[in-house]
Amino acid sequence: MFRCNAANKLRSLNLFCHVRNQFHHSATMCSGSDVKLWRSPVSVNYCTAAVKNIFESRNMLQRENIMCLFDVDGTLTAPMKVIEPDIESFLFNELKPKYTLGLIGGSDFKKIAYQMGGSEEVLKKYDYVFAENGLIAYKDGKSIGCQSIQEHMGEETLQTFINFALGYMSQLKLPVKRGTFIEFRTGLINVCPVGRSCSQVEREQFFEYDKEHKIRENFVKALEEKFSDLGLVYSIGGQISFDVFPKGWDKTYCLQYLEKEMFEEIHFFGDKTDPGGNDYQIFTDPRTIGHKVTSPADTVNQLKQLLK
């Protein structure tokens, strides 16, 4: 695997010797000067080409066996921003030829597609796309799964939850408040105390305010106490909101699709990997190899180390 450079070098040497020995065996079946052929530069070139062909086949196999799975905000893009050209170029020119690529985000598909360059582009470029923690799933551009929180919770319970959340937010005093405090998605509820229609400046202002006053953290505690019997999970992610979904519907939900493919390694890259963050569960899941990143640039730097 690409994490073991010494082992790869040893396998390269063994393969070279194996091919060379095979060539030698064939050569000794000939007579006269032909016996010396295996010692010539021609035989070395032959062996080198054979080993190269073997490793090209191994690389194709490796791509099918190893998955690199990425969070979006803070990992491949700045929060709610479009992916930078240099990041995208590295993913598709350096990484994709060697490894299977996937996206896993808490946002709905429309938002993820916008950040990745459009619906058609994201489905064409990435082998797997998981929106809303994997409750909306695509493989090779085709839908492979969809789950609804409305069906799971029922309308009455859903409205009780939303009414309580709206009531709680009505009592909050923040630097600013805008609109869209509850965003109902297919597989989860997104709760945003400042309102999702806030500007980028207001978003960053709330983020700093929240660090000091723990608005989201205290909000989650109130919901956990009120709805302790519903089996809900609360995941704080990004700068302004948190997600609510049934237990087991965090980002590990997408792993059920990947397990079927029998990947030998699933490398997950995310920034919100601490307890309470929306990458924590999948980052610590034994089925993945977790990589904590601090920015898109850090993601690329860590990938370069893995590619060595």
Protein backbone atom coordinates (compact mmCIF):
# COMPACT_ATOMS: atom_id res chain seq x y z
CA MET A 1 0.00 0.00 0.00
CA PHE A 2 1.09 3.57 -0.53
CA ARG A 3 1.84 4.03 3.18
CA CYS A 4 4.70 1.51 3.05
CA ASN A 5 7.48 2.80 0.79
CA ALA A 6 10.05 0.26 1.97
CA ALA A 7 7.73 -2.64 1.29
CA ASN A 8 6.94 -1.32 -2.18
CA LYS A 9 10.64 -1.01 -3.00
CA LEU A 10 11.26 -4.57 -1.80
CA ARG A 11 8.38 -5.87 -3.90
CA SER A 12 9.81 -3.99 -6.91
CA LEU A 13 13.19 -5.69 -6.44
CA ASN A 14 11.61 -9.12 -6.01
CA LEU A 15 9.52 -8.67 -9.13
CA PHE A 16 12.57 -7.51 -11.10
CA CYS A 17 14.54 -10.57 -10.01
CA HIS A 18 11.65 -12.87 -10.77
CA VAL A 19 11.24 -11.55 -14.31
CA ARG A 20 15.01 -11.58 -14.87
CA ASN A 21 15.26 -15.19 -13.69
CA GLN A 22 12.46 -16.19 -15.99
CA PHE A 23 14.24 -14.51 -18.88
CA HIS A 24 17.49 -16.26 -17.87
CA HIS A 25 15.76 -19.63 -17.83
CA SER A 26 14.45 -19.07 -21.33
CA ALA A 27 17.83 -17.90 -22.56
CA THR A 28 19.68 -20.97 -21.27
CA MET A 29 17.47 -23.10 -23.45
CA CYS A 30 19.32 -21.57 -26.42
CA SER A 31 22.88 -22.30 -27.54
CA GLY A 32 26.17 -20.47 -27.96
CA SER A 33 26.22 -16.71 -27.54
CA ASP A 34 22.47 -16.69 -26.90
CA VAL A 35 23.17 -17.92 -23.38
CA LYS A 36 24.84 -14.59 -22.62
CA LEU A 37 21.79 -12.62 -23.72
CA TRP A 38 20.29 -12.42 -20.26
CA ARG A 39 23.39 -10.51 -19.07
CA SER A 40 23.07 -7.82 -21.73
CA PRO A 41 21.50 -4.33 -21.43
CA VAL A 42 18.71 -5.66 -23.63
CA SER A 43 17.68 -8.14 -20.95
CA VAL A 44 17.76 -5.41 -18.30
CA ASN A 45 15.50 -3.24 -20.45
CA TYR A 46 13.22 -6.20 -21.00
CA CYS A 47 12.99 -6.87 -17.29
CA THR A 48 12.43 -3.20 -16.46
CA ALA A 49 9.58 -2.99 -18.99
CA ALA A 50 8.03 -6.16 -17.61
CA VAL A 51 8.14 -4.86 -14.05
CA LYS A 52 6.67 -1.55 -15.22
CA ASN A 53 3.77 -3.39 -16.84
CA ILE A 54 3.19 -5.39 -13.68
CA PHE A 55 3.10 -2.26 -11.55
CA GLU A 56 0.78 -0.49 -13.94
CA SER A 57 -1.60 -3.41 -13.45
CA ARG A 58 -1.06 -3.20 -9.68
CA ASN A 59 -1.85 0.53 -9.74
CA MET A 60 -5.12 -0.16 -11.52
CA LEU A 61 -5.92 -2.75 -8.88
CA GLN A 62 -4.83 -0.34 -6.13
CA ARG A 63 -7.28 2.29 -7.36
CA GLU A 64 -10.10 -0.19 -6.88
CA ASN A 65 -8.87 -1.13 -3.40
CA ILE A 66 -8.16 2.25 -1.81
CA MET A 67 -10.66 5.04 -1.24
CA CYS A 68 -9.91 8.66 -0.35
CA LEU A 69 -13.07 10.14 1.14
CA PHE A 70 -13.29 13.88 1.76
CA ASP A 71 -15.39 16.20 3.85
CA VAL A 72 -16.13 19.41 1.89
CA ASP A 73 -16.19 22.59 4.02
CA GLY A 74 -12.82 23.25 5.63
CA THR A 75 -11.28 20.22 3.94
CA LEU A 76 -11.51 20.77 0.18
CA THR A 77 -12.98 24.29 0.26
CA ALA A 78 -13.21 27.28 2.54
CA PRO A 79 -16.65 27.30 4.28
CA MET A 80 -19.39 27.65 1.64
CA LYS A 81 -16.82 28.57 -1.01
CA VAL A 82 -16.10 26.98 -4.40
CA ILE A 83 -13.11 24.65 -4.65
CA GLU A 84 -9.91 26.41 -5.76
CA PRO A 85 -8.50 25.40 -9.19
CA ASP A 86 -5.15 24.23 -7.76
CA ILE A 87 -6.87 21.93 -5.25
CA GLU A 88 -9.12 20.48 -7.92
CA SER A 89 -6.21 20.02 -10.33
CA PHE A 90 -4.24 18.08 -7.73
CA LEU A 91 -7.17 15.78 -6.96
CA PHE A 92 -7.81 14.80 -10.54
CA ASN A 93 -4.32 14.87 -12.02
CA GLU A 94 -2.36 13.37 -9.13
CA LEU A 95 -4.79 11.47 -6.94
CA LYS A 96 -7.64 10.10 -9.03
CA PRO A 97 -5.44 8.03 -11.37
CA LYS A 98 -4.31 6.05 -8.31
CA TYR A 99 -7.21 6.05 -5.84
CA THR A 100 -10.99 6.02 -5.78
CA LEU A 101 -12.35 9.46 -4.81
CA GLY A 102 -15.45 10.26 -2.76
CA LEU A 103 -17.16 13.23 -1.12
CA ILE A 104 -19.15 13.13 2.12
CA GLY A 105 -20.94 16.29 3.28
CA GLY A 106 -23.67 17.25 5.69
CA SER A 107 -25.11 19.77 3.22
CA ASP A 108 -27.71 18.89 0.62
CA PHE A 109 -26.60 17.83 -2.85
CA LYS A 110 -27.30 21.23 -4.37
CA LYS A 111 -24.85 23.00 -2.04
CA ILE A 112 -22.13 20.37 -2.48
CA ALA A 113 -22.54 20.51 -6.26
CA TYR A 114 -22.19 24.30 -6.22
CA GLN A 115 -18.95 24.10 -4.28
CA MET A 116 -17.57 21.41 -6.60
CA GLY A 117 -18.44 23.15 -9.88
CA GLY A 118 -21.98 22.01 -10.66
CA SER A 119 -24.20 18.92 -10.54
CA GLU A 120 -22.92 17.30 -13.71
CA GLU A 121 -19.30 18.05 -12.86
CA VAL A 122 -19.37 16.62 -9.35
CA LEU A 123 -21.11 13.41 -10.41
CA LYS A 124 -18.74 12.96 -13.33
CA LYS A 125 -15.49 13.71 -11.51
CA TYR A 126 -16.00 11.84 -8.23
CA ASP A 127 -16.59 8.10 -8.01
CA TYR A 128 -18.88 8.53 -4.97
CA VAL A 129 -20.85 11.54 -3.77
CA PHE A 130 -22.65 11.40 -0.42
CA ALA A 131 -24.88 14.35 0.52
CA GLU A 132 -26.63 14.84 3.87
CA ASN A 133 -24.21 12.45 5.61
CA GLY A 134 -24.73 9.79 2.96
CA LEU A 135 -28.51 9.69 3.14
CA ILE A 136 -28.41 10.84 -0.48
CA ALA A 137 -25.87 8.62 -2.25
CA TYR A 138 -24.42 8.46 -5.77
CA LYS A 139 -21.96 6.06 -7.38
CA ASP A 140 -20.53 6.70 -10.84
CA GLY A 141 -23.14 9.43 -11.38
CA LYS A 142 -26.13 7.23 -10.51
CA SER A 143 -28.34 7.31 -7.40
CA ILE A 144 -27.79 4.33 -5.09
CA GLY A 145 -29.70 5.41 -1.99
CA CYS A 146 -32.09 7.90 -0.38
CA GLN A 147 -33.44 8.06 3.19
CA SER A 148 -36.02 10.49 4.63
CA ILE A 149 -36.05 11.88 8.18
CA GLN A 150 -39.71 12.79 7.75
CA GLU A 151 -40.69 9.18 7.29
CA HIS A 152 -38.46 8.12 10.16
CA MET A 153 -39.72 10.61 12.76
CA GLY A 154 -43.31 11.18 11.66
CA GLU A 155 -44.90 14.57 11.07
CA GLU A 156 -46.24 15.13 14.58
CA THR A 157 -42.90 14.52 16.30
CA LEU A 158 -41.13 16.53 13.65
CA GLN A 159 -43.34 19.57 14.22
CA THR A 160 -42.96 19.30 17.99
CA PHE A 161 -39.19 19.40 17.59
CA ILE A 162 -39.22 22.31 15.12
CA ASN A 163 -41.62 24.37 17.26
CA PHE A 164 -39.42 23.97 20.32
CA ALA A 165 -36.29 24.91 18.37
CA LEU A 166 -37.93 28.02 16.92
CA GLY A 167 -39.14 29.02 20.39
CA TYR A 168 -35.65 28.64 21.84
CA MET A 169 -34.11 30.77 19.09
CA SER A 170 -36.72 33.48 19.58
CA GLN A 171 -35.25 34.08 23.05
CA LEU A 172 -31.65 34.39 21.87
CA LYS A 173 -29.99 37.79 21.69
CA LEU A 174 -27.26 37.77 19.04
CA PRO A 175 -25.20 40.42 17.22
CA VAL A 176 -27.53 39.94 14.22
CA LYS A 177 -30.41 37.67 13.16
CA ARG A 178 -31.47 37.04 9.61
CA GLY A 179 -33.69 34.39 7.99
CA THR A 180 -33.94 30.60 7.47
CA PHE A 181 -33.38 29.36 11.01
CA ILE A 182 -34.59 25.84 10.26
CA GLU A 183 -33.62 24.12 7.02
CA PHE A 184 -35.46 20.87 6.45
CA ARG A 185 -33.42 18.47 4.34
CA THR A 186 -34.16 14.98 3.13
CA GLY A 187 -32.15 13.20 5.76
CA LEU A 188 -31.63 15.76 8.53
CA ILE A 189 -32.67 19.06 10.08
CA ASN A 190 -30.21 21.95 10.01
CA VAL A 191 -30.65 24.46 12.84
CA CYS A 192 -29.07 27.90 12.44
CA PRO A 193 -29.45 30.46 15.27
CA VAL A 194 -28.21 33.41 13.19
CA GLY A 195 -30.15 32.39 10.05
CA ARG A 196 -28.68 30.86 6.92
CA SER A 197 -29.39 33.96 4.84
CA CYS A 198 -26.72 35.94 6.73
CA SER A 199 -23.87 37.49 4.77
CA GLN A 200 -20.31 36.18 4.85
CA VAL A 201 -19.29 38.97 7.23
CA GLU A 202 -22.24 38.17 9.52
CA ARG A 203 -21.41 34.46 9.33
CA GLU A 204 -17.87 35.09 10.54
CA GLN A 205 -19.13 37.50 13.19
CA PHE A 206 -21.46 34.85 14.60
CA PHE A 207 -18.71 32.23 14.47
CA GLU A 208 -16.47 34.35 16.70
CA TYR A 209 -19.39 35.20 19.00
CA ASP A 210 -20.29 31.52 19.27
CA LYS A 211 -16.75 30.60 20.28
CA GLU A 212 -17.03 32.86 23.30
CA HIS A 213 -20.69 32.39 24.26
CA LYS A 214 -21.19 28.76 23.15
CA ILE A 215 -24.59 29.48 21.58
CA ARG A 216 -24.76 26.25 19.61
CA GLU A 217 -23.31 24.09 22.36
CA ASN A 218 -25.88 25.31 24.91
CA PHE A 219 -28.68 25.00 22.34
CA VAL A 220 -27.76 21.36 21.74
CA LYS A 221 -27.80 20.66 25.50
CA ALA A 222 -31.32 22.06 25.74
CA LEU A 223 -32.52 19.89 22.83
CA GLU A 224 -30.86 16.77 24.25
CA GLU A 225 -32.65 17.31 27.56
CA LYS A 226 -36.03 18.02 25.95
CA PHE A 227 -35.98 15.20 23.40
CA SER A 228 -33.91 12.56 25.18
CA ASP A 229 -36.31 9.81 24.12
CA LEU A 230 -36.11 10.39 20.35
CA GLY A 231 -32.68 8.89 19.73
CA LEU A 232 -31.39 11.99 17.95
CA VAL A 233 -27.79 13.02 17.38
CA TYR A 234 -26.65 16.66 17.27
CA SER A 235 -23.59 17.52 15.23
CA ILE A 236 -22.01 20.97 15.28
CA GLY A 237 -20.29 21.73 11.97
CA GLY A 238 -19.25 24.71 9.90
CA GLN A 239 -19.53 28.20 11.33
CA ILE A 240 -23.19 28.93 11.99
CA SER A 241 -25.36 25.85 12.43
CA PHE A 242 -25.71 22.27 13.64
CA ASP A 243 -27.35 19.18 12.19
CA VAL A 244 -29.95 16.95 13.81
CA PHE A 245 -30.55 13.37 12.69
CA PRO A 246 -31.42 9.92 14.07
CA LYS A 247 -28.67 7.95 15.77
CA GLY A 248 -26.56 6.16 13.17
CA TRP A 249 -27.34 8.76 10.50
CA ASP A 250 -24.04 10.60 10.94
CA LYS A 251 -21.35 10.42 8.25
CA THR A 252 -20.68 6.78 9.05
CA TYR A 253 -24.00 6.10 7.29
CA CYS A 254 -22.18 6.23 3.94
CA LEU A 255 -19.83 3.41 4.93
CA GLN A 256 -22.53 0.81 4.31
CA TYR A 257 -22.18 1.50 0.58
CA LEU A 258 -18.39 1.37 0.66
CA GLU A 259 -18.27 -1.87 2.65
CA LYS A 260 -20.02 -3.61 -0.24
CA GLU A 261 -17.11 -2.65 -2.49
CA MET A 262 -14.60 -4.40 -0.21
CA PHE A 263 -12.08 -1.53 -0.12
CA GLU A 264 -8.90 -2.53 1.66
CA GLU A 265 -8.42 1.01 2.96
CA ILE A 266 -10.78 3.96 3.33
CA HIS A 267 -8.90 7.17 4.12
CA PHE A 268 -11.16 9.91 5.49
CA PHE A 269 -10.06 13.56 5.54
CA GLY A 270 -11.96 16.08 7.67
CA ASP A 271 -11.54 19.17 9.83
CA LYS A 272 -14.30 18.83 12.46
CA THR A 273 -12.90 15.66 13.99
CA ASP A 274 -13.10 16.51 17.71
CA PRO A 275 -15.97 15.16 19.86
CA GLY A 276 -19.15 17.01 18.89
CA GLY A 277 -17.85 17.83 15.41
CA ASN A 278 -19.67 16.43 12.40
CA ASP A 279 -16.58 14.49 11.26
CA TYR A 280 -15.91 12.85 14.62
CA GLN A 281 -17.86 9.62 14.16
CA ILE A 282 -16.44 8.71 10.77
CA PHE A 283 -12.96 9.92 11.75
CA THR A 284 -12.88 7.51 14.71
CA ASP A 285 -14.74 4.66 13.02
CA PRO A 286 -12.56 1.49 12.87
CA ARG A 287 -13.49 1.04 9.20
CA THR A 288 -11.63 4.22 8.22
CA ILE A 289 -8.13 5.65 8.51
CA GLY A 290 -8.76 9.15 9.81
CA HIS A 291 -6.78 12.25 8.80
CA LYS A 292 -7.42 15.52 10.66
CA VAL A 293 -6.83 18.56 8.45
CA THR A 294 -6.88 22.28 9.11
CA SER A 295 -7.48 23.67 5.60
CA PRO A 296 -7.63 22.65 1.93
CA ALA A 297 -3.91 23.37 1.64
CA ASP A 298 -3.21 21.06 4.58
CA THR A 299 -5.33 18.36 2.91
CA VAL A 300 -3.13 18.52 -0.18
CA ASN A 301 0.05 18.44 1.91
CA GLN A 302 -1.10 15.33 3.74
CA LEU A 303 -2.10 13.66 0.47
CA LYS A 304 1.35 14.36 -0.96
CA GLN A 305 2.88 12.55 2.00
CA LEU A 306 0.64 9.56 1.40
CA LEU A 307 1.53 9.48 -2.27
CA LYS A 308 5.26 9.20 -1.59
